[in-house]
Amino acid sequence: MASLAPLQPLADDAHSVLWAYQVRPGSGTAEVAATEAGQALASLPESGFVWVHLNLAHNGAERWLRAHARLPDAFFEVLRSPTRTTRFERDDDLLMGVLNDVSFDFAYEPTDIATLWVAVAPGMLVSARRQPLRSVDRLRGAVRSGQAFRSSVDLLAHLRDQADVLIEVVRSVSLKVDSIEDSLLAGRLQTKRVDLGAMRRLLVRLQRLLAPEPGSLFRLLQHPPAWVEPDDVQELRQSTEEFSVALRDISGLQERIKLLQEEIAAQVAESNNRSLFVLTMVTVLALPINLTAGLFGMNVGGVPFGEHRHGFFIVGLLVVLLTGCVAWLLLRQRDDR
């Protein structure tokens, strides 16, 4: 990408630009002030690259991109697209990517997944987001600590190390699922199905957003731009393979959660059936005495045993016999089932 004419800093540079770094292999990394990030993009170094990270939550961020980065309209179309599926596209020598990552204050909720937009060109990497993201923050820490990066594509490959974050998420969810499974087998499960449902929704959302990424990047790597070094292509391919493994782990974890939900549902149904059976038993066993009390309590003449000295005991014995017969029939029916 050709160098651009110097531009005057915009008044809202300090709010739109979160950070900027100039990375020179062999010379270390220099942090660039937010008000000077536009000038750094206008005069790209012959060796190394400039990384600028923006906050799209600020109204002036897109205006800053148009004024300083001079990105093509295709990038802004991707930026405004309602589709948040992870993918990579190419526009001449520019690589454009839509990445999804967990937010910095991740609380295992489906809404804690946010999007990162990147544009990569010779000597330049521009990234933008609306919410703080964990992978980007980790990469910033690596840059500040002096980790060496060959090029902007090498930085993109490390930015794509979302597999590490995904593995942490899968590990944490797996521990929760293991605990629920152990409690289920021990017969002391207290977890509600709604908790498992929240974890499953999180994994489904992650997989839906991230699953297309390996395929789109593999297609792009078949015909990369001429300026991308073979080592960088190999680095991207390796990170994509690791990413695919993490996605397969997510699929396996979803299946485990689904089976647990089905087992919990079966236990709840069995418990409800037992409660219903007990209620039915009580109701049916009380039927003979209720009928007898109703019949003998009618205020009419001719009530049997009304004048018999042992009438109460005779009627009581008949009620006990009828109740015993009914109980025997119910228990026999239950055993047959």
Protein backbone atom coordinates (compact mmCIF):
# COMPACT_ATOMS: atom_id res chain seq x y z
CA MET A 1 0.00 0.00 0.00
CA ALA A 2 1.44 3.37 -1.01
CA SER A 3 2.26 5.99 1.61
CA LEU A 4 -0.40 8.62 2.10
CA ALA A 5 -0.04 12.35 2.48
CA PRO A 6 0.16 13.55 6.10
CA LEU A 7 -3.18 14.45 7.61
CA GLN A 8 -3.99 16.74 10.49
CA PRO A 9 -5.10 14.94 13.65
CA LEU A 10 -8.82 14.91 14.26
CA ALA A 11 -10.19 16.31 17.48
CA ASP A 12 -11.61 12.95 18.54
CA ASP A 13 -8.47 10.86 17.82
CA ALA A 14 -7.88 10.28 21.53
CA HIS A 15 -11.36 8.75 21.91
CA SER A 16 -11.49 6.75 18.67
CA VAL A 17 -7.98 5.24 18.87
CA LEU A 18 -7.52 2.94 21.84
CA TRP A 19 -3.86 2.25 21.14
CA ALA A 20 -1.31 2.23 18.34
CA TYR A 21 2.09 0.54 18.01
CA GLN A 22 4.91 0.69 15.50
CA VAL A 23 6.66 -2.65 15.27
CA ARG A 24 10.10 -2.85 13.65
CA PRO A 25 11.77 -6.29 13.54
CA GLY A 26 15.10 -6.02 15.29
CA SER A 27 14.38 -2.53 16.60
CA GLY A 28 11.66 -3.30 19.13
CA THR A 29 8.16 -1.91 19.52
CA ALA A 30 7.30 1.74 19.99
CA GLU A 31 3.95 2.92 21.33
CA VAL A 32 2.36 5.67 19.25
CA ALA A 33 0.18 8.35 20.81
CA ALA A 34 -3.49 8.30 19.76
CA THR A 35 -3.20 11.75 18.18
CA GLU A 36 -0.23 10.57 16.10
CA ALA A 37 -1.73 7.25 14.93
CA GLY A 38 -3.06 8.83 11.73
CA GLN A 39 0.38 10.21 10.88
CA ALA A 40 1.89 6.75 11.52
CA LEU A 41 -0.52 5.22 9.00
CA ALA A 42 0.21 7.99 6.51
CA SER A 43 3.93 7.24 6.56
CA LEU A 44 4.16 3.47 6.80
CA PRO A 45 7.64 2.13 7.56
CA GLU A 46 9.62 0.26 4.91
CA SER A 47 10.27 -2.54 7.40
CA GLY A 48 7.86 -3.57 10.11
CA PHE A 49 4.28 -2.40 10.42
CA VAL A 50 1.84 -0.19 12.33
CA TRP A 51 -1.00 -1.62 14.42
CA VAL A 52 -3.90 0.69 15.26
CA HIS A 53 -6.83 -0.48 17.38
CA LEU A 54 -10.05 1.56 17.44
CA ASN A 55 -13.18 1.80 19.52
CA LEU A 56 -16.23 1.67 17.24
CA ALA A 57 -18.46 2.61 20.15
CA HIS A 58 -17.20 6.16 19.61
CA ASN A 59 -19.06 8.04 16.91
CA GLY A 60 -15.89 9.41 15.35
CA ALA A 61 -14.18 6.04 14.83
CA GLU A 62 -15.54 5.39 11.34
CA ARG A 63 -14.77 8.97 10.31
CA TRP A 64 -11.23 8.47 11.60
CA LEU A 65 -10.86 5.30 9.52
CA ARG A 66 -12.00 7.07 6.35
CA ALA A 67 -9.69 10.00 6.96
CA HIS A 68 -6.51 8.19 8.00
CA ALA A 69 -6.60 4.52 7.01
CA ARG A 70 -8.08 5.17 3.56
CA LEU A 71 -9.66 1.74 3.47
CA PRO A 72 -11.82 0.69 0.50
CA ASP A 73 -15.60 0.85 0.59
CA ALA A 74 -15.72 -2.94 0.79
CA PHE A 75 -14.33 -2.79 4.33
CA PHE A 76 -17.00 -0.34 5.47
CA GLU A 77 -19.67 -2.55 3.89
CA VAL A 78 -18.37 -5.45 5.98
CA LEU A 79 -18.30 -3.12 9.00
CA ARG A 80 -21.98 -2.24 8.59
CA SER A 81 -23.12 -5.73 7.61
CA PRO A 82 -25.56 -7.28 10.11
CA THR A 83 -23.86 -10.65 9.56
CA ARG A 84 -21.42 -11.35 12.38
CA THR A 85 -20.24 -14.75 11.16
CA THR A 86 -16.46 -15.13 11.35
CA ARG A 87 -14.93 -14.92 7.88
CA PHE A 88 -12.03 -13.59 5.82
CA GLU A 89 -12.25 -11.80 2.49
CA ARG A 90 -9.78 -10.27 0.05
CA ASP A 91 -9.98 -6.97 -1.77
CA ASP A 92 -6.94 -6.71 -4.07
CA ASP A 93 -3.97 -6.57 -1.66
CA LEU A 94 -6.11 -5.95 1.40
CA LEU A 95 -7.18 -8.76 3.73
CA MET A 96 -10.43 -8.13 5.61
CA GLY A 97 -11.60 -10.25 8.49
CA VAL A 98 -14.57 -10.51 10.83
CA LEU A 99 -13.58 -12.28 14.05
CA ASN A 100 -15.70 -13.20 17.04
CA ASP A 101 -14.29 -13.40 20.52
CA VAL A 102 -15.47 -13.49 24.12
CA SER A 103 -15.68 -10.17 25.93
CA PHE A 104 -13.09 -9.17 28.51
CA ASP A 105 -15.53 -9.56 31.44
CA PHE A 106 -16.79 -12.91 30.16
CA ALA A 107 -19.51 -14.35 32.42
CA TYR A 108 -20.50 -17.44 30.38
CA GLU A 109 -23.54 -15.79 28.87
CA PRO A 110 -24.37 -15.98 25.14
CA THR A 111 -24.40 -12.18 25.04
CA ASP A 112 -20.73 -12.08 26.13
CA ILE A 113 -19.55 -12.70 22.57
CA ALA A 114 -18.50 -9.67 20.53
CA THR A 115 -17.07 -8.96 17.08
CA LEU A 116 -13.70 -7.67 15.93
CA TRP A 117 -13.09 -6.24 12.45
CA VAL A 118 -9.57 -6.27 11.00
CA ALA A 119 -7.93 -4.92 7.85
CA VAL A 120 -4.43 -6.12 6.96
CA ALA A 121 -2.18 -4.65 4.29
CA PRO A 122 1.59 -4.39 3.78
CA GLY A 123 2.95 -2.49 6.75
CA MET A 124 -0.46 -2.01 8.40
CA LEU A 125 -2.99 -3.77 10.60
CA VAL A 126 -6.13 -1.93 11.65
CA SER A 127 -8.52 -3.55 14.14
CA ALA A 128 -11.78 -2.21 15.53
CA ARG A 129 -14.33 -3.40 18.08
CA ARG A 130 -17.32 -2.14 20.05
CA GLN A 131 -16.70 -4.08 23.27
CA PRO A 132 -13.44 -5.00 25.04
CA LEU A 133 -12.25 -8.41 23.85
CA ARG A 134 -10.06 -10.91 25.64
CA SER A 135 -7.88 -12.10 22.73
CA VAL A 136 -7.06 -8.55 21.63
CA ASP A 137 -6.08 -7.58 25.16
CA ARG A 138 -3.81 -10.60 25.45
CA LEU A 139 -2.18 -9.75 22.13
CA ARG A 140 -1.61 -6.17 23.28
CA GLY A 141 0.14 -7.52 26.36
CA ALA A 142 2.41 -9.63 24.12
CA VAL A 143 3.26 -6.59 21.97
CA ARG A 144 3.99 -4.40 25.00
CA SER A 145 6.22 -7.09 26.50
CA GLY A 146 8.43 -6.96 23.40
CA GLN A 147 7.42 -10.17 21.65
CA ALA A 148 8.78 -10.15 18.10
CA PHE A 149 6.44 -10.18 15.09
CA ARG A 150 7.68 -10.50 11.53
CA SER A 151 4.84 -8.70 9.78
CA SER A 152 1.23 -7.58 10.03
CA VAL A 153 0.11 -11.06 8.88
CA ASP A 154 2.20 -12.62 11.66
CA LEU A 155 0.37 -10.36 14.13
CA LEU A 156 -2.94 -11.42 12.54
CA ALA A 157 -1.99 -15.07 13.06
CA HIS A 158 -1.40 -14.37 16.76
CA LEU A 159 -4.60 -12.34 16.92
CA ARG A 160 -6.34 -15.41 15.60
CA ASP A 161 -5.05 -17.43 18.53
CA GLN A 162 -8.64 -17.45 19.74
CA ALA A 163 -8.14 -21.18 20.12
CA ASP A 164 -6.42 -20.50 23.45
CA VAL A 165 -9.40 -18.48 24.69
CA LEU A 166 -11.82 -21.09 23.34
CA ILE A 167 -9.89 -23.85 25.08
CA GLU A 168 -10.20 -21.93 28.36
CA VAL A 169 -13.95 -21.58 27.82
CA VAL A 170 -14.32 -25.27 26.93
CA ARG A 171 -12.23 -26.27 29.92
CA SER A 172 -14.29 -24.19 32.33
CA VAL A 173 -17.60 -25.43 30.93
CA SER A 174 -16.27 -29.01 31.00
CA LEU A 175 -15.49 -28.69 34.72
CA LYS A 176 -19.03 -27.49 35.37
CA VAL A 177 -20.48 -30.31 33.29
CA ASP A 178 -18.27 -32.86 35.08
CA SER A 179 -19.52 -31.60 38.45
CA ILE A 180 -23.14 -31.81 37.30
CA GLU A 181 -22.57 -35.29 35.91
CA ASP A 182 -21.00 -36.52 39.17
CA SER A 183 -23.92 -35.09 41.17
CA LEU A 184 -26.36 -36.76 38.79
CA LEU A 185 -24.70 -40.15 39.20
CA ALA A 186 -24.61 -39.70 42.99
CA GLY A 187 -28.34 -38.94 43.05
CA ARG A 188 -27.94 -35.50 44.65
CA LEU A 189 -28.36 -33.26 41.66
CA GLN A 190 -29.38 -29.73 42.54
CA THR A 191 -28.65 -28.07 39.17
CA LYS A 192 -31.66 -27.00 37.14
CA ARG A 193 -31.97 -27.72 33.46
CA VAL A 194 -32.03 -23.98 32.83
CA ASP A 195 -28.35 -23.76 33.92
CA LEU A 196 -27.35 -26.43 31.45
CA GLY A 197 -29.48 -24.70 28.84
CA ALA A 198 -27.53 -21.46 29.31
CA MET A 199 -24.22 -23.27 28.81
CA ARG A 200 -25.55 -25.06 25.76
CA ARG A 201 -26.81 -21.79 24.24
CA LEU A 202 -23.37 -20.26 24.78
CA LEU A 203 -21.63 -23.15 23.00
CA VAL A 204 -24.18 -23.15 20.16
CA ARG A 205 -23.68 -19.42 19.63
CA LEU A 206 -19.90 -19.81 19.68
CA GLN A 207 -20.02 -22.63 17.17
CA ARG A 208 -22.49 -20.86 14.89
CA LEU A 209 -20.36 -17.72 14.76
CA LEU A 210 -16.93 -19.37 14.60
CA ALA A 211 -17.48 -22.53 12.55
CA PRO A 212 -17.20 -20.83 9.10
CA GLU A 213 -13.79 -19.31 9.94
CA PRO A 214 -11.47 -22.27 9.18
CA GLY A 215 -13.10 -22.90 5.80
CA SER A 216 -13.00 -19.25 4.72
CA LEU A 217 -9.37 -18.84 5.76
CA PHE A 218 -8.29 -22.08 4.10
CA ARG A 219 -9.89 -20.86 0.84
CA LEU A 220 -8.07 -17.55 1.19
CA LEU A 221 -4.75 -19.28 1.85
CA GLN A 222 -5.05 -21.16 -1.43
CA HIS A 223 -4.47 -17.85 -3.25
CA PRO A 224 -2.94 -15.36 -0.79
CA PRO A 225 -1.83 -11.86 -1.83
CA ALA A 226 1.66 -11.70 -3.33
CA TRP A 227 3.05 -9.66 -0.43
CA VAL A 228 2.24 -12.34 2.17
CA GLU A 229 5.33 -14.35 3.07
CA PRO A 230 5.23 -18.19 2.94
CA ASP A 231 6.11 -18.36 6.65
CA ASP A 232 3.10 -16.19 7.46
CA VAL A 233 0.84 -18.42 5.34
CA GLN A 234 2.10 -21.46 7.23
CA GLU A 235 1.52 -19.69 10.56
CA LEU A 236 -2.07 -18.87 9.60
CA ARG A 237 -2.67 -22.42 8.43
CA GLN A 238 -1.36 -23.87 11.69
CA SER A 239 -3.47 -21.54 13.84
CA THR A 240 -6.53 -22.45 11.75
CA GLU A 241 -5.95 -26.16 12.36
CA GLU A 242 -5.72 -25.55 16.12
CA PHE A 243 -8.88 -23.51 15.89
CA SER A 244 -10.68 -26.40 14.14
CA VAL A 245 -9.73 -28.75 16.98
CA ALA A 246 -11.22 -26.32 19.52
CA LEU A 247 -14.45 -26.20 17.51
CA ARG A 248 -14.65 -30.00 17.54
CA ASP A 249 -14.26 -29.96 21.32
CA ILE A 250 -17.19 -27.53 21.50
CA SER A 251 -19.33 -29.93 19.46
CA GLY A 252 -18.50 -32.83 21.80
CA LEU A 253 -19.30 -30.72 24.84
CA GLN A 254 -22.67 -29.74 23.35
CA GLU A 255 -23.53 -33.42 22.96
CA ARG A 256 -22.63 -34.12 26.60
CA ILE A 257 -24.83 -31.28 27.80
CA LYS A 258 -27.69 -32.51 25.61
CA LEU A 259 -27.46 -36.01 27.13
CA LEU A 260 -27.38 -34.54 30.64
CA GLN A 261 -30.47 -32.47 29.89
CA GLU A 262 -32.28 -35.56 28.66
CA GLU A 263 -31.23 -37.55 31.76
CA ILE A 264 -32.38 -34.75 34.09
CA ALA A 265 -35.66 -34.50 32.21
CA ALA A 266 -36.15 -38.27 32.61
CA GLN A 267 -35.47 -38.04 36.35
CA VAL A 268 -37.88 -35.13 36.75
CA ALA A 269 -40.56 -37.05 34.83
CA GLU A 270 -39.97 -40.14 37.00
CA SER A 271 -40.21 -38.06 40.19
CA ASN A 272 -43.43 -36.47 38.97
CA ASN A 273 -44.85 -39.91 38.17
CA ARG A 274 -44.05 -41.13 41.67
CA SER A 275 -45.69 -38.09 43.23
CA LEU A 276 -48.74 -38.54 41.03
CA PHE A 277 -48.95 -42.22 41.96
CA VAL A 278 -48.81 -41.42 45.68
CA LEU A 279 -51.53 -38.80 45.24
CA THR A 280 -53.64 -41.28 43.29
CA MET A 281 -53.13 -43.93 45.99
CA VAL A 282 -54.24 -41.56 48.75
CA THR A 283 -57.29 -40.47 46.77
CA VAL A 284 -58.37 -44.01 45.85
CA LEU A 285 -57.72 -45.44 49.31
CA ALA A 286 -59.84 -42.71 50.84
CA LEU A 287 -62.68 -43.46 48.42
CA PRO A 288 -64.32 -46.36 50.36
CA ILE A 289 -64.45 -44.49 53.67
CA ASN A 290 -65.74 -41.34 51.94
CA LEU A 291 -68.49 -43.28 50.16
CA THR A 292 -69.43 -45.14 53.32
CA ALA A 293 -69.49 -41.98 55.40
CA GLY A 294 -71.64 -40.31 52.77
CA LEU A 295 -74.12 -43.17 52.58
CA PHE A 296 -74.45 -43.68 56.33
CA GLY A 297 -74.56 -39.97 56.95
CA MET A 298 -77.73 -39.44 54.92
CA ASN A 299 -80.52 -38.23 57.18
CA VAL A 300 -83.12 -40.79 55.94
CA GLY A 301 -84.75 -43.83 57.40
CA GLY A 302 -83.58 -47.38 56.91
CA VAL A 303 -79.87 -46.77 57.52
CA PRO A 304 -78.30 -50.25 58.02
CA PHE A 305 -77.02 -51.12 61.47
CA GLY A 306 -78.59 -47.96 62.83
CA GLU A 307 -79.91 -49.82 65.92
CA HIS A 308 -77.32 -52.63 66.02
CA ARG A 309 -75.09 -52.54 69.08
CA HIS A 310 -72.01 -53.54 67.01
CA GLY A 311 -72.97 -51.61 63.86
CA PHE A 312 -70.03 -49.22 64.00
CA PHE A 313 -67.48 -52.05 64.19
CA ILE A 314 -69.14 -53.96 61.39
CA VAL A 315 -69.13 -50.92 59.09
CA GLY A 316 -65.56 -50.09 60.09
CA LEU A 317 -64.46 -53.65 59.25
CA LEU A 318 -66.17 -53.45 55.86
CA VAL A 319 -64.38 -50.14 55.11
CA VAL A 320 -61.02 -51.66 56.07
CA LEU A 321 -61.64 -54.70 53.85
CA LEU A 322 -62.67 -52.56 50.88
CA THR A 323 -59.67 -50.26 51.35
CA GLY A 324 -57.34 -53.28 51.53
CA CYS A 325 -58.80 -54.73 48.33
CA VAL A 326 -58.38 -51.41 46.51
CA ALA A 327 -54.79 -51.07 47.77
CA TRP A 328 -53.99 -54.62 46.63
CA LEU A 329 -55.36 -53.94 43.15
CA LEU A 330 -53.36 -50.71 42.82
CA LEU A 331 -50.11 -52.28 43.97
CA ARG A 332 -50.62 -55.26 41.68
CA GLN A 333 -51.20 -52.95 38.73
CA ARG A 334 -48.04 -51.02 39.61
CA ASP A 335 -45.97 -54.23 39.79
CA ASP A 336 -47.33 -55.36 36.42
CA ARG A 337 -46.13 -52.08 34.86
